Amino acid sequence: MTHNPYLESISNGTCAVPYDVLGVHGNDGGAESSLIRSFQPYAKSVELICEGAAPVQMTKIHANGMFEIALKTPSENQYQFKMTGFDDASWTLHDPYSFPLQLSELDQHLVAEGTNCRAFNKMGAQLMEINGVHGVHFAVWAPNAQRVSIIGEFNRWDGRHHPMQTLGGSGIWALFIPALTSGDLYKFEILDRAGELHEKTDPYGFASELRPRTASVVHDVGTYEWNDAEWIKKRETINWYEEPIAAYEVHLGSWKRKGDAGEQFLTYRELAADLIPYVKDLGYTHIELMPITEHPLDASWGYQVVGYFAPTSRFGTPDDFKYFVDQCHQAGIGVILDWVPAHFPKDSHGLGHFDGTALYEHEDPRMGEHKDWGTKIFNYGRNEVRSFLISNAVFWCDLYHIDGLRVDAVASMLYLDYSREDGEWVANEFGGNENLEAIAFIKQFNEVIHAEVPGVLTFAEESTSWANVSRPTYIGGLGFGLKWNMGWMNDTLDYMSKEPVFRKYHQGNLTFSLIYAFTENFILPMSHDEVVHGKGSLVNKMPGDPWQQFANLRLLYLLMYTHPGKKLLFMGCEFAQWEEWNFDQSLDWHLVGFDRHRQIQSLVRDLNKTYCSETALHQVDFEGQGFEWIDFQDADNSVISFLRINKAADESLVVALNYTPVLRKRYRIGVPEAGTYSIVLNSDSDFYGGSNTMNPETIESDEGVWQGQEHSLSINLPPLGGLIMKIIPQT
């Protein structure tokens, strides 16, 4: 056995073209002869098994474990190796290097130009059959690596066993390994240009080990049998902008737990059995899930994602999560997923410095790192990164039937100087602070999602005054379907936190949102961000004694459900969770046993019911004709009143809200129509824990101009309460 650098490149882990060394090769002995070569460092002997022929002993030609055999004629059929180990155990397998690679030049080109929106069909670990043999075809992008190998239990986590073939200029590496199947663990072992080894999970991995373990898991994403065809058909044809959207935001790890000490998560299937009926009973139309993609740190709430294509194994398998979504749809509930393309963590097994270089991120920390979060920023200008992220968005909406993507931290993507001081950021080519590459990516993302998966909504968590966030890209917008109305949320909570005696000086906080309410397609969020980090729960933000706190909370919800815009409320807020949210424990479900908390829950149920049944509250949320002020100037009494109007302008609701603990007897408000009015909902009803300020069952309008309307009503406006009223149609 002689020194041969060509053969040793396999055992020393530097070979980027293993097909040039291993498998079937021409032999100098003649045109009709060939060599078959295999690297088996854990075998003392290897036999070649060809169909219809007796096993033939192969020759060990190198001390590193390289075996070889010369055949008089090339092998046209698949062959196998039978190995005998040093402990005399034997095993048989096909030669990975006898199978053709499955990525065409077109496949590689589409990824490289950033236009492949379904790269998940080619990249990562794909279960398939080649030449009658089942196995897994692997592909990974690592253009600056010296060598990439697939490692797992199947090869003793030894990177010498299955080096991948570089596919040239695309930077993609590929290899088919026979006999692997669903459930097998694997990682990529990458040798970088500096000679350092990195063990990485698969960026396109469809499943993952439970933390703290970090291996990817082979999984077939196409085996689940869906039963939601009726919902999907509806989703593709419905105009969601004219429909009610009342989303219940959930962190699956802390909505409810099990175990004696509440230490165990519910599984996806247990959540389907428990969470879905609860949400259905309360009248919500959607569940919005905080990130459920695989993440190593519970305390990140899912926002520091490592496995972008893998539902977290904390709650079960990928098919278990599909079952959860399927059950939501069969119950008539949509599922919105919190999606995180703004940043990713620095964990060594993740995307950071994937092949030893800044591959998914920028090298310059002024562009490639979020100081606030200690995370990396995607390089949106890199085509392969865009293919990765946009394919990921399509993946969840198509293969997992997700109905909407709420994009986290959009502002951090749009601005190069986001949370940075002078000298800590790099201006764009025009000298501005706009991240032009991120803007182009966001537009491409929205265009692709709306084209590839009709009926799916995209939501922007965008907290600045950036214009046209929820306007189509063809008129210069970013292309989102809806935008979180952070301004309304901040102004409203600021107002509600003030003692009622001072509210008359801050009436503008209540009314300012209507100046810009129709510049975007807004959703009104009372999200998890408002009940953490010392901010307290919503009910604890309210001033006064406990009765007033609960009354204020009822009034807050009444405003939210009557104000233009779709709705989102975080879990626990629907029953007035007293303590602020803790990701590491269950909600305080025992509170529902107390009247005040159960009554708040009843109010939310009835608000959802009213919101969904009254077209005036949801049909025209994004245009001015769906809203009309009656009076916003009565600051001395801290009262506002307005109309909500349906699309056909043949139905309207009258809303009057009193933000002081003073009963306003015989308070007069203007109305546009003469007739008999009934009270649709009274937040001060004793059913909701209020003081039960009474009005007649019906209220007759009075003639005469009042507050710009042709008619008026005289009502008893409850303390820290409000009324929704509706004219009774004449028969």
Foldseek 3Di string as FASTA:
>chain_A
DDDDVVQCCLLVVQDQACLVPAAWAPDPVDPFKIKHKAADQFFPWKWKADPPDDTDTWDQDDNNRMTMDMDRGTRPAWIKMWGQGPVRDIDIFTDQSHFDADQDPVLLVCLQQQNQLANLCPAAWDWDATRNFTWTKHKAAQQQFSWKAKAFPVRPRDRSHGIFHQPPPSRMTMITGTPDDFFTWIWMWTQGPVRDIATAEGLSAQAADAPPDGTGTDDDLPPADFDQVVLLVCLQPDDCQLAAAAEAEDLQLAAAADDPARQAGAALQSCLVPVLVVCVLLQHQEYEYEAQAADHDLVVSNQAHFHLNYGHPSRHHPSSNLVSQRSNSVSNHAYEYEHELFWHAPPRRGDACPNVARDQADPQCLGFADPVVRTTGGPLQRSSNLSSRSSSVLSCCPSSVHQEYEYPPVQSLQFSQVVHDPPSGDAPPVRHGGPVSSLVSLLVSLVCCCVNRPSHFYEYAHDDPDAQQCPHVVVPYSNGPEYEPVLLVVLLLVLQLDALVCNLVSLCSNVVCVVCQQRTQYEYDPELVCQDDPNHFQLVSGDDDNLRSLLLLLLSVVCNQQAQHHYYYYRPSQQPQGGGDDSSHYGPVVSCVDQQSVLSNVSSSLSSVCSRVDSLRRRDRNDDVQKAWLDSNVSVQSKGKIKGAHPVRPWIKIKIFTQAQDKDAQDKTADADFAKKAWSDKSQCVSSPHPRDDDPRIWGWAADDDSNHRIMTGTTAHGSIMTIMTGDDDD
